Amino acid sequence: MPKASEIKKNHTIVYGGKTCIVRDIERSVPQGRAGGSIYRMRMYDVVSGAKFDETFKDSDMLEMADLVRRPVMFSYIDGDEYVFLDNEDYTPYHLNKESIADEALFINEKTESIQVLIVSDVPVALDLPMSVELEVTETDPSIKGASATSRTKPATLSTGLVVQVPEYISTGEWIKVNTEERKFQSRA
């Protein structure tokens, strides 16, 4: 059983008798306390989809849920569902657009190393690679002679995600984006 300080985003825990997936974690260190950090976690109930926030001390022990990770590739969008195929046995996994809204901004046909998280034979979330390659569909014209350390400008990517890019990047280029920080990394 890990401590609250060891829990990461997209981990699945059992809390209050329910299987929950951790979607976001905020760490704070209260001033004037001899104790440690406080972790505020936004969690989603795997069964009902209900979201709630809970606060833990860094030393609180949490129970990990039984979780299976399967490598998948993005296949297609069917209405409000994204369909992913298992890389080994081609089992289709359907995930609702709302449940993967944050991850959907990084998914296209070229995205590799995606894993689907399965709890009790039900796909509940996606685990993305550290960086993905996306195409710049709209940005201001590039400035000739702009260096990598110059100012940045907003760029809309093929998935609808908007990130700040250096001035030398132009429309139609492919770039690498960090999925955790949602920031430009480099040209692809």
N, C-alpha and C. Protein backbone atom coordinates (compact mmCIF):
# COMPACT_ATOMS: atom_id res chain seq x y z
N MET A 1 0.85 -1.19 0.00
CA MET A 1 0.00 0.00 0.00
C MET A 1 0.89 1.24 0.00
N PRO A 2 0.77 2.07 -1.03
CA PRO A 2 1.61 3.27 -1.12
C PRO A 2 1.06 4.42 -0.26
N LYS A 3 1.97 5.34 0.03
CA LYS A 3 1.57 6.57 0.72
C LYS A 3 0.94 7.52 -0.29
N ALA A 4 0.20 8.51 0.19
CA ALA A 4 -0.43 9.50 -0.69
C ALA A 4 0.62 10.24 -1.51
N SER A 5 1.82 10.43 -0.97
CA SER A 5 2.87 11.15 -1.69
C SER A 5 3.41 10.35 -2.88
N GLU A 6 3.14 9.05 -2.94
CA GLU A 6 3.62 8.21 -4.03
C GLU A 6 2.60 8.04 -5.15
N ILE A 7 1.40 8.53 -4.95
CA ILE A 7 0.34 8.40 -5.96
C ILE A 7 0.58 9.41 -7.08
N LYS A 8 0.42 8.97 -8.31
CA LYS A 8 0.61 9.82 -9.48
C LYS A 8 -0.69 9.94 -10.26
N LYS A 9 -0.72 10.88 -11.19
CA LYS A 9 -1.87 11.07 -12.06
C LYS A 9 -2.15 9.78 -12.83
N ASN A 10 -3.42 9.43 -12.98
CA ASN A 10 -3.91 8.23 -13.67
C ASN A 10 -3.69 6.94 -12.89
N HIS A 11 -3.25 7.02 -11.63
CA HIS A 11 -3.22 5.82 -10.80
C HIS A 11 -4.65 5.51 -10.38
N THR A 12 -4.91 4.25 -10.10
CA THR A 12 -6.25 3.83 -9.69
C THR A 12 -6.17 3.33 -8.25
N ILE A 13 -7.04 3.89 -7.40
CA ILE A 13 -7.04 3.51 -5.99
C ILE A 13 -8.43 3.08 -5.57
N VAL A 14 -8.49 2.37 -4.44
CA VAL A 14 -9.76 2.03 -3.83
C VAL A 14 -9.95 3.00 -2.68
N TYR A 15 -11.03 3.78 -2.73
CA TYR A 15 -11.29 4.78 -1.69
C TYR A 15 -12.78 4.75 -1.34
N GLY A 16 -13.10 4.56 -0.08
CA GLY A 16 -14.49 4.52 0.35
C GLY A 16 -15.25 3.35 -0.28
N GLY A 17 -14.55 2.26 -0.54
CA GLY A 17 -15.19 1.10 -1.15
C GLY A 17 -15.41 1.22 -2.64
N LYS A 18 -14.95 2.31 -3.25
CA LYS A 18 -15.13 2.53 -4.68
C LYS A 18 -13.78 2.54 -5.38
N THR A 19 -13.77 2.08 -6.61
CA THR A 19 -12.56 2.14 -7.42
C THR A 19 -12.53 3.50 -8.10
N CYS A 20 -11.47 4.26 -7.86
CA CYS A 20 -11.38 5.63 -8.36
C CYS A 20 -10.08 5.82 -9.13
N ILE A 21 -10.15 6.65 -10.16
CA ILE A 21 -8.95 7.00 -10.91
C ILE A 21 -8.57 8.44 -10.55
N VAL A 22 -7.30 8.68 -10.27
CA VAL A 22 -6.81 10.00 -9.88
C VAL A 22 -6.54 10.79 -11.16
N ARG A 23 -7.26 11.89 -11.36
CA ARG A 23 -7.11 12.69 -12.58
C ARG A 23 -6.19 13.88 -12.40
N ASP A 24 -6.12 14.43 -11.19
CA ASP A 24 -5.29 15.60 -10.97
C ASP A 24 -4.82 15.62 -9.52
N ILE A 25 -3.61 16.10 -9.29
CA ILE A 25 -3.06 16.17 -7.94
C ILE A 25 -2.46 17.55 -7.73
N GLU A 26 -2.86 18.18 -6.62
CA GLU A 26 -2.26 19.46 -6.22
C GLU A 26 -1.56 19.24 -4.90
N ARG A 27 -0.29 19.61 -4.84
CA ARG A 27 0.49 19.45 -3.61
C ARG A 27 0.67 20.82 -2.97
N SER A 28 0.43 20.88 -1.67
CA SER A 28 0.65 22.14 -0.96
C SER A 28 1.37 21.85 0.35
N VAL A 29 2.17 22.83 0.78
CA VAL A 29 2.92 22.71 2.02
C VAL A 29 2.44 23.83 2.93
N PRO A 30 1.57 23.50 3.89
CA PRO A 30 1.05 24.55 4.79
C PRO A 30 2.17 25.19 5.61
N GLN A 31 2.10 26.51 5.75
CA GLN A 31 3.10 27.24 6.53
C GLN A 31 2.80 27.08 8.02
N GLY A 32 3.85 27.04 8.81
CA GLY A 32 3.68 27.01 10.26
C GLY A 32 3.30 25.65 10.81
N ARG A 33 3.39 24.62 9.98
CA ARG A 33 3.08 23.27 10.46
C ARG A 33 4.34 22.45 10.47
N ALA A 34 4.46 21.62 11.47
CA ALA A 34 5.62 20.73 11.53
C ALA A 34 5.42 19.53 10.62
N GLY A 35 4.18 19.29 10.22
CA GLY A 35 3.86 18.14 9.38
C GLY A 35 4.34 18.30 7.96
N GLY A 36 3.98 17.35 7.14
CA GLY A 36 4.43 17.35 5.76
C GLY A 36 3.42 17.99 4.83
N SER A 37 3.49 17.57 3.61
CA SER A 37 2.66 18.13 2.54
C SER A 37 1.23 17.61 2.60
N ILE A 38 0.36 18.37 1.96
CA ILE A 38 -1.04 17.98 1.81
C ILE A 38 -1.28 17.75 0.32
N TYR A 39 -1.95 16.66 -0.03
CA TYR A 39 -2.24 16.32 -1.42
C TYR A 39 -3.74 16.37 -1.64
N ARG A 40 -4.15 17.26 -2.54
CA ARG A 40 -5.56 17.36 -2.91
C ARG A 40 -5.71 16.64 -4.25
N MET A 41 -6.52 15.59 -4.25
CA MET A 41 -6.66 14.77 -5.45
C MET A 41 -8.07 14.87 -6.02
N ARG A 42 -8.15 15.11 -7.32
CA ARG A 42 -9.43 15.06 -8.02
C ARG A 42 -9.56 13.65 -8.57
N MET A 43 -10.64 12.96 -8.14
CA MET A 43 -10.82 11.56 -8.52
C MET A 43 -12.16 11.35 -9.21
N TYR A 44 -12.21 10.32 -10.04
CA TYR A 44 -13.43 9.92 -10.73
C TYR A 44 -13.76 8.49 -10.33
N ASP A 45 -15.01 8.26 -9.96
CA ASP A 45 -15.48 6.91 -9.68
C ASP A 45 -15.55 6.17 -11.01
N VAL A 46 -14.89 5.04 -11.10
CA VAL A 46 -14.83 4.28 -12.34
C VAL A 46 -16.21 3.81 -12.79
N VAL A 47 -17.06 3.40 -11.85
CA VAL A 47 -18.37 2.85 -12.18
C VAL A 47 -19.37 3.94 -12.57
N SER A 48 -19.54 4.95 -11.70
CA SER A 48 -20.57 5.96 -11.94
C SER A 48 -20.07 7.16 -12.74
N GLY A 49 -18.76 7.38 -12.77
CA GLY A 49 -18.21 8.53 -13.47
C GLY A 49 -18.25 9.81 -12.65
N ALA A 50 -18.78 9.73 -11.42
CA ALA A 50 -18.88 10.91 -10.55
C ALA A 50 -17.48 11.39 -10.17
N LYS A 51 -17.29 12.71 -10.17
CA LYS A 51 -15.99 13.24 -9.77
C LYS A 51 -16.10 13.90 -8.41
N PHE A 52 -15.01 13.81 -7.66
CA PHE A 52 -14.96 14.42 -6.34
C PHE A 52 -13.52 14.70 -5.96
N ASP A 53 -13.34 15.61 -5.01
CA ASP A 53 -12.01 15.97 -4.52
C ASP A 53 -11.84 15.43 -3.12
N GLU A 54 -10.64 15.01 -2.82
CA GLU A 54 -10.33 14.51 -1.49
C GLU A 54 -8.93 14.97 -1.12
N THR A 55 -8.70 15.23 0.17
CA THR A 55 -7.40 15.71 0.64
C THR A 55 -6.75 14.66 1.53
N PHE A 56 -5.46 14.44 1.32
CA PHE A 56 -4.71 13.46 2.10
C PHE A 56 -3.43 14.07 2.61
N LYS A 57 -2.96 13.59 3.79
CA LYS A 57 -1.63 13.93 4.27
C LYS A 57 -0.65 13.06 3.52
N ASP A 58 0.61 13.51 3.42
CA ASP A 58 1.58 12.74 2.65
C ASP A 58 1.83 11.35 3.19
N SER A 59 1.56 11.13 4.48
CA SER A 59 1.82 9.82 5.09
C SER A 59 0.60 8.89 5.07
N ASP A 60 -0.57 9.38 4.62
CA ASP A 60 -1.77 8.53 4.56
C ASP A 60 -1.53 7.36 3.61
N MET A 61 -1.94 6.18 4.04
CA MET A 61 -1.78 4.97 3.23
C MET A 61 -3.03 4.77 2.37
N LEU A 62 -2.83 4.53 1.07
CA LEU A 62 -3.94 4.31 0.15
C LEU A 62 -3.81 2.94 -0.49
N GLU A 63 -4.94 2.36 -0.84
CA GLU A 63 -4.95 1.03 -1.45
C GLU A 63 -5.06 1.15 -2.96
N MET A 64 -4.12 0.53 -3.66
CA MET A 64 -4.14 0.55 -5.13
C MET A 64 -5.20 -0.43 -5.63
N ALA A 65 -5.89 -0.06 -6.70
CA ALA A 65 -6.89 -0.95 -7.29
C ALA A 65 -6.21 -1.89 -8.28
N ASP A 66 -6.88 -3.00 -8.54
CA ASP A 66 -6.37 -3.95 -9.52
C ASP A 66 -6.53 -3.32 -10.90
N LEU A 67 -5.43 -3.14 -11.59
CA LEU A 67 -5.42 -2.38 -12.83
C LEU A 67 -4.61 -3.12 -13.88
N VAL A 68 -5.12 -3.11 -15.12
CA VAL A 68 -4.40 -3.72 -16.23
C VAL A 68 -4.11 -2.61 -17.25
N ARG A 69 -2.88 -2.58 -17.75
CA ARG A 69 -2.51 -1.63 -18.80
C ARG A 69 -2.29 -2.41 -20.09
N ARG A 70 -2.94 -1.94 -21.16
CA ARG A 70 -2.80 -2.59 -22.46
C ARG A 70 -2.33 -1.57 -23.48
N PRO A 71 -1.31 -1.91 -24.28
CA PRO A 71 -0.88 -1.00 -25.35
C PRO A 71 -1.93 -0.96 -26.46
N VAL A 72 -2.30 0.24 -26.88
CA VAL A 72 -3.34 0.40 -27.89
C VAL A 72 -2.92 1.43 -28.93
N MET A 73 -3.67 1.45 -30.03
CA MET A 73 -3.49 2.50 -31.04
C MET A 73 -4.86 3.12 -31.30
N PHE A 74 -4.85 4.43 -31.58
CA PHE A 74 -6.10 5.12 -31.87
C PHE A 74 -6.62 4.63 -33.21
N SER A 75 -7.93 4.33 -33.25
CA SER A 75 -8.52 3.82 -34.48
C SER A 75 -9.43 4.86 -35.13
N TYR A 76 -10.52 5.24 -34.44
CA TYR A 76 -11.44 6.20 -35.01
C TYR A 76 -12.37 6.77 -33.93
N ILE A 77 -13.13 7.81 -34.31
CA ILE A 77 -14.11 8.42 -33.42
C ILE A 77 -15.49 7.99 -33.89
N ASP A 78 -16.31 7.47 -32.97
CA ASP A 78 -17.66 7.02 -33.27
C ASP A 78 -18.62 7.81 -32.40
N GLY A 79 -19.15 8.91 -32.93
CA GLY A 79 -20.06 9.75 -32.14
C GLY A 79 -19.33 10.38 -30.98
N ASP A 80 -19.75 10.03 -29.76
CA ASP A 80 -19.12 10.56 -28.55
C ASP A 80 -18.08 9.61 -27.97
N GLU A 81 -17.66 8.62 -28.74
CA GLU A 81 -16.69 7.67 -28.24
C GLU A 81 -15.44 7.61 -29.12
N TYR A 82 -14.30 7.48 -28.45
CA TYR A 82 -13.04 7.23 -29.14
C TYR A 82 -12.81 5.73 -29.08
N VAL A 83 -12.43 5.15 -30.21
CA VAL A 83 -12.21 3.71 -30.28
C VAL A 83 -10.71 3.45 -30.46
N PHE A 84 -10.17 2.60 -29.58
CA PHE A 84 -8.77 2.22 -29.61
C PHE A 84 -8.70 0.71 -29.81
N LEU A 85 -7.70 0.25 -30.56
CA LEU A 85 -7.51 -1.17 -30.79
C LEU A 85 -6.27 -1.65 -30.06
N ASP A 86 -6.42 -2.80 -29.39
CA ASP A 86 -5.30 -3.43 -28.70
C ASP A 86 -4.22 -3.77 -29.73
N ASN A 87 -2.97 -3.46 -29.41
CA ASN A 87 -1.87 -3.71 -30.35
C ASN A 87 -1.59 -5.20 -30.56
N GLU A 88 -1.99 -6.04 -29.60
CA GLU A 88 -1.67 -7.46 -29.69
C GLU A 88 -2.82 -8.30 -30.24
N ASP A 89 -4.03 -8.14 -29.70
CA ASP A 89 -5.14 -8.99 -30.15
C ASP A 89 -6.27 -8.21 -30.83
N TYR A 90 -6.07 -6.92 -31.06
CA TYR A 90 -7.02 -6.05 -31.77
C TYR A 90 -8.40 -5.96 -31.11
N THR A 91 -8.44 -6.11 -29.80
CA THR A 91 -9.69 -5.91 -29.06
C THR A 91 -10.02 -4.43 -29.09
N PRO A 92 -11.26 -4.06 -29.47
CA PRO A 92 -11.61 -2.63 -29.46
C PRO A 92 -11.98 -2.16 -28.05
N TYR A 93 -11.49 -0.99 -27.69
CA TYR A 93 -11.82 -0.37 -26.41
C TYR A 93 -12.50 0.95 -26.69
N HIS A 94 -13.71 1.14 -26.18
CA HIS A 94 -14.49 2.36 -26.40
C HIS A 94 -14.39 3.23 -25.14
N LEU A 95 -13.95 4.48 -25.32
CA LEU A 95 -13.86 5.42 -24.21
C LEU A 95 -14.67 6.66 -24.56
N ASN A 96 -15.52 7.08 -23.61
CA ASN A 96 -16.36 8.26 -23.81
C ASN A 96 -15.51 9.51 -23.94
N LYS A 97 -15.92 10.41 -24.84
CA LYS A 97 -15.18 11.65 -25.11
C LYS A 97 -14.99 12.48 -23.83
N GLU A 98 -16.01 12.51 -22.96
CA GLU A 98 -15.92 13.30 -21.73
C GLU A 98 -14.89 12.74 -20.76
N SER A 99 -14.79 11.42 -20.68
CA SER A 99 -13.87 10.81 -19.71
C SER A 99 -12.41 10.99 -20.10
N ILE A 100 -12.14 11.24 -21.39
CA ILE A 100 -10.75 11.43 -21.83
C ILE A 100 -10.56 12.80 -22.49
N ALA A 101 -11.35 13.78 -22.06
CA ALA A 101 -11.30 15.11 -22.69
C ALA A 101 -9.88 15.70 -22.69
N ASP A 102 -9.15 15.59 -21.59
CA ASP A 102 -7.79 16.14 -21.52
C ASP A 102 -6.83 15.39 -22.44
N GLU A 103 -6.93 14.07 -22.46
CA GLU A 103 -6.04 13.25 -23.27
C GLU A 103 -6.34 13.37 -24.76
N ALA A 104 -7.62 13.61 -25.11
CA ALA A 104 -8.03 13.68 -26.52
C ALA A 104 -7.30 14.79 -27.27
N LEU A 105 -6.85 15.82 -26.56
CA LEU A 105 -6.13 16.93 -27.19
C LEU A 105 -4.75 16.52 -27.70
N PHE A 106 -4.29 15.32 -27.34
CA PHE A 106 -2.97 14.86 -27.75
C PHE A 106 -3.03 13.66 -28.68
N ILE A 107 -4.22 13.25 -29.09
CA ILE A 107 -4.37 12.02 -29.86
C ILE A 107 -4.65 12.30 -31.33
N ASN A 108 -3.86 11.68 -32.19
CA ASN A 108 -4.13 11.67 -33.63
C ASN A 108 -3.69 10.32 -34.18
N GLU A 109 -3.76 10.15 -35.48
CA GLU A 109 -3.43 8.86 -36.09
C GLU A 109 -1.97 8.46 -35.87
N LYS A 110 -1.08 9.44 -35.67
CA LYS A 110 0.35 9.16 -35.51
C LYS A 110 0.76 8.87 -34.07
N THR A 111 -0.13 9.14 -33.10
CA THR A 111 0.23 8.98 -31.69
C THR A 111 0.52 7.53 -31.37
N GLU A 112 1.71 7.29 -30.83
CA GLU A 112 2.13 5.93 -30.47
C GLU A 112 2.33 5.83 -28.97
N SER A 113 2.49 4.61 -28.48
CA SER A 113 2.76 4.33 -27.06
C SER A 113 1.62 4.73 -26.14
N ILE A 114 0.39 4.66 -26.62
CA ILE A 114 -0.78 4.92 -25.77
C ILE A 114 -1.11 3.63 -25.03
N GLN A 115 -1.50 3.76 -23.77
CA GLN A 115 -1.96 2.60 -23.01
C GLN A 115 -3.36 2.88 -22.48
N VAL A 116 -4.23 1.87 -22.56
CA VAL A 116 -5.55 2.00 -21.98
C VAL A 116 -5.49 1.34 -20.60
N LEU A 117 -6.13 1.98 -19.61
CA LEU A 117 -6.17 1.45 -18.26
C LEU A 117 -7.49 0.72 -18.07
N ILE A 118 -7.43 -0.54 -17.66
CA ILE A 118 -8.63 -1.37 -17.54
C ILE A 118 -8.79 -1.80 -16.09
N VAL A 119 -9.98 -1.53 -15.53
CA VAL A 119 -10.31 -1.95 -14.17
C VAL A 119 -11.57 -2.82 -14.27
N SER A 120 -11.51 -4.03 -13.76
CA SER A 120 -12.63 -4.97 -13.80
C SER A 120 -13.18 -5.13 -15.21
N ASP A 121 -12.30 -5.34 -16.17
CA ASP A 121 -12.64 -5.55 -17.58
C ASP A 121 -13.32 -4.35 -18.24
N VAL A 122 -13.24 -3.17 -17.63
CA VAL A 122 -13.83 -1.95 -18.20
C VAL A 122 -12.72 -0.94 -18.46
N PRO A 123 -12.59 -0.44 -19.72
CA PRO A 123 -11.58 0.59 -19.98
C PRO A 123 -12.01 1.90 -19.31
N VAL A 124 -11.11 2.49 -18.52
CA VAL A 124 -11.49 3.68 -17.75
C VAL A 124 -10.68 4.93 -18.09
N ALA A 125 -9.47 4.77 -18.62
CA ALA A 125 -8.65 5.95 -18.88
C ALA A 125 -7.52 5.60 -19.84
N LEU A 126 -6.82 6.66 -20.26
CA LEU A 126 -5.67 6.51 -21.14
C LEU A 126 -4.41 6.98 -20.43
N ASP A 127 -3.30 6.35 -20.75
CA ASP A 127 -2.00 6.80 -20.27
C ASP A 127 -1.21 7.17 -21.52
N LEU A 128 -0.86 8.45 -21.64
CA LEU A 128 -0.19 8.95 -22.83
C LEU A 128 1.33 8.90 -22.68
N PRO A 129 2.06 8.89 -23.80
CA PRO A 129 3.51 9.00 -23.71
C PRO A 129 3.91 10.40 -23.22
N MET A 130 5.18 10.58 -22.86
CA MET A 130 5.65 11.87 -22.35
C MET A 130 5.51 12.99 -23.38
N SER A 131 5.69 12.66 -24.67
CA SER A 131 5.55 13.68 -25.70
C SER A 131 4.88 13.07 -26.93
N VAL A 132 4.18 13.93 -27.67
CA VAL A 132 3.51 13.50 -28.91
C VAL A 132 3.84 14.49 -30.01
N GLU A 133 3.68 14.03 -31.27
CA GLU A 133 3.91 14.90 -32.42
C GLU A 133 2.56 15.36 -32.96
N LEU A 134 2.40 16.68 -33.10
CA LEU A 134 1.16 17.25 -33.62
C LEU A 134 1.48 18.30 -34.67
N GLU A 135 0.54 18.50 -35.59
CA GLU A 135 0.74 19.46 -36.67
C GLU A 135 0.19 20.82 -36.26
N VAL A 136 0.93 21.88 -36.61
CA VAL A 136 0.48 23.25 -36.38
C VAL A 136 -0.48 23.60 -37.51
N THR A 137 -1.75 23.89 -37.18
CA THR A 137 -2.73 24.21 -38.22
C THR A 137 -2.95 25.70 -38.37
N GLU A 138 -2.64 26.46 -37.31
CA GLU A 138 -2.85 27.91 -37.40
C GLU A 138 -1.92 28.64 -36.44
N THR A 139 -1.16 29.58 -36.98
CA THR A 139 -0.31 30.43 -36.16
C THR A 139 0.07 31.65 -37.00
N ASP A 140 0.57 32.66 -36.35
CA ASP A 140 1.02 33.85 -37.08
C ASP A 140 2.18 33.46 -37.98
N PRO A 141 2.42 34.22 -39.04
CA PRO A 141 3.54 33.89 -39.93
C PRO A 141 4.86 33.86 -39.17
N SER A 142 5.76 32.96 -39.63
CA SER A 142 7.07 32.87 -38.98
C SER A 142 7.90 34.10 -39.34
N ILE A 143 8.79 34.44 -38.43
CA ILE A 143 9.64 35.61 -38.63
C ILE A 143 11.03 35.12 -39.00
N LYS A 144 11.53 35.54 -40.14
CA LYS A 144 12.85 35.11 -40.61
C LYS A 144 13.92 35.63 -39.66
N GLY A 145 14.80 34.74 -39.28
CA GLY A 145 15.89 35.14 -38.39
C GLY A 145 15.54 35.06 -36.91
N ALA A 146 14.34 34.63 -36.58
CA ALA A 146 13.97 34.50 -35.17
C ALA A 146 14.76 33.34 -34.58
N SER A 147 15.24 33.52 -33.37
CA SER A 147 16.04 32.46 -32.74
C SER A 147 15.18 31.65 -31.78
N ALA A 148 15.74 30.55 -31.31
CA ALA A 148 15.01 29.65 -30.41
C ALA A 148 14.75 30.29 -29.05
N THR A 149 15.52 31.30 -28.69
CA THR A 149 15.34 31.92 -27.38
C THR A 149 14.47 33.17 -27.45
N SER A 150 13.93 33.46 -28.61
CA SER A 150 13.10 34.66 -28.77
C SER A 150 11.74 34.51 -28.13
N ARG A 151 10.90 35.47 -28.42
CA ARG A 151 9.54 35.46 -27.90
C ARG A 151 8.75 34.30 -28.47
N THR A 152 7.59 34.04 -27.85
CA THR A 152 6.71 32.97 -28.33
C THR A 152 5.41 33.55 -28.86
N LYS A 153 4.66 32.70 -29.54
CA LYS A 153 3.35 33.09 -30.08
C LYS A 153 2.43 31.88 -29.94
N PRO A 154 1.11 32.11 -29.87
CA PRO A 154 0.19 30.97 -29.76
C PRO A 154 0.06 30.23 -31.09
N ALA A 155 -0.09 28.92 -31.00
CA ALA A 155 -0.29 28.10 -32.19
C ALA A 155 -1.41 27.10 -31.91
N THR A 156 -2.35 26.98 -32.84
CA THR A 156 -3.42 25.99 -32.73
C THR A 156 -2.95 24.73 -33.45
N LEU A 157 -3.07 23.59 -32.75
CA LEU A 157 -2.61 22.33 -33.32
C LEU A 157 -3.79 21.56 -33.92
N SER A 158 -3.49 20.49 -34.65
CA SER A 158 -4.51 19.73 -35.38
C SER A 158 -5.61 19.16 -34.49
N THR A 159 -5.35 18.99 -33.21
CA THR A 159 -6.35 18.44 -32.29
C THR A 159 -7.17 19.52 -31.58
N GLY A 160 -6.82 20.80 -31.82
CA GLY A 160 -7.52 21.90 -31.15
C GLY A 160 -6.76 22.46 -29.97
N LEU A 161 -5.69 21.80 -29.56
CA LEU A 161 -4.85 22.27 -28.46
C LEU A 161 -4.12 23.54 -28.88
N VAL A 162 -4.02 24.52 -27.97
CA VAL A 162 -3.28 25.75 -28.24
C VAL A 162 -2.08 25.79 -27.30
N VAL A 163 -0.88 25.92 -27.89
CA VAL A 163 0.35 26.02 -27.11
C VAL A 163 1.17 27.21 -27.59
N GLN A 164 2.08 27.65 -26.74
CA GLN A 164 2.99 28.73 -27.11
C GLN A 164 4.19 28.10 -27.83
N VAL A 165 4.54 28.64 -29.00
CA VAL A 165 5.67 28.13 -29.79
C VAL A 165 6.62 29.29 -30.11
N PRO A 166 7.88 28.98 -30.39
CA PRO A 166 8.82 30.03 -30.80
C PRO A 166 8.35 30.68 -32.10
N GLU A 167 8.82 31.90 -32.36
CA GLU A 167 8.37 32.66 -33.54
C GLU A 167 8.77 32.03 -34.86
N TYR A 168 9.79 31.16 -34.88
CA TYR A 168 10.23 30.57 -36.14
C TYR A 168 9.34 29.42 -36.62
N ILE A 169 8.41 28.96 -35.81
CA ILE A 169 7.50 27.87 -36.20
C ILE A 169 6.39 28.45 -37.10
N SER A 170 6.08 27.73 -38.18
CA SER A 170 5.05 28.21 -39.09
C SER A 170 3.95 27.16 -39.27
N THR A 171 2.83 27.57 -39.86
CA THR A 171 1.70 26.69 -40.10
C THR A 171 2.13 25.53 -40.99
N GLY A 172 1.66 24.33 -40.66
CA GLY A 172 1.98 23.14 -41.44
C GLY A 172 3.14 22.33 -40.89
N GLU A 173 3.91 22.89 -39.96
CA GLU A 173 5.02 22.15 -39.36
C GLU A 173 4.52 21.19 -38.30
N TRP A 174 5.28 20.14 -38.06
CA TRP A 174 4.99 19.18 -36.99
C TRP A 174 5.91 19.50 -35.82
N ILE A 175 5.34 19.50 -34.61
CA ILE A 175 6.12 19.80 -33.42
C ILE A 175 5.90 18.72 -32.36
N LYS A 176 6.84 18.63 -31.42
CA LYS A 176 6.69 17.73 -30.28
C LYS A 176 6.13 18.55 -29.12
N VAL A 177 5.11 17.99 -28.44
CA VAL A 177 4.49 18.66 -27.32
C VAL A 177 4.58 17.77 -26.09
N ASN A 178 5.00 18.32 -24.96
CA ASN A 178 5.05 17.59 -23.70
C ASN A 178 3.61 17.42 -23.21
N THR A 179 3.18 16.17 -22.95
CA THR A 179 1.78 15.91 -22.59
C THR A 179 1.46 16.30 -21.15
N GLU A 180 2.44 16.28 -20.25
CA GLU A 180 2.16 16.64 -18.86
C GLU A 180 2.10 18.15 -18.68
N GLU A 181 3.04 18.87 -19.27
CA GLU A 181 3.12 20.32 -19.09
C GLU A 181 2.35 21.09 -20.17
N ARG A 182 1.94 20.39 -21.24
CA ARG A 182 1.23 21.02 -22.36
C ARG A 182 2.07 22.14 -22.97
N LYS A 183 3.35 21.84 -23.18
CA LYS A 183 4.28 22.84 -23.70
C LYS A 183 5.02 22.32 -24.92
N PHE A 184 5.42 23.27 -25.77
CA PHE A 184 6.26 22.98 -26.94
C PHE A 184 7.60 22.41 -26.47
N GLN A 185 8.07 21.33 -27.14
CA GLN A 185 9.38 20.78 -26.83
C GLN A 185 10.37 21.08 -27.94
N SER A 186 10.00 20.70 -29.17
CA SER A 186 10.91 20.89 -30.29
C SER A 186 10.16 20.65 -31.59
N ARG A 187 10.87 20.87 -32.70
CA ARG A 187 10.31 20.47 -34.00
C ARG A 187 10.33 18.94 -34.06
N ALA A 188 9.36 18.39 -34.79
CA ALA A 188 9.31 16.92 -34.92
C ALA A 188 10.25 16.46 -36.02
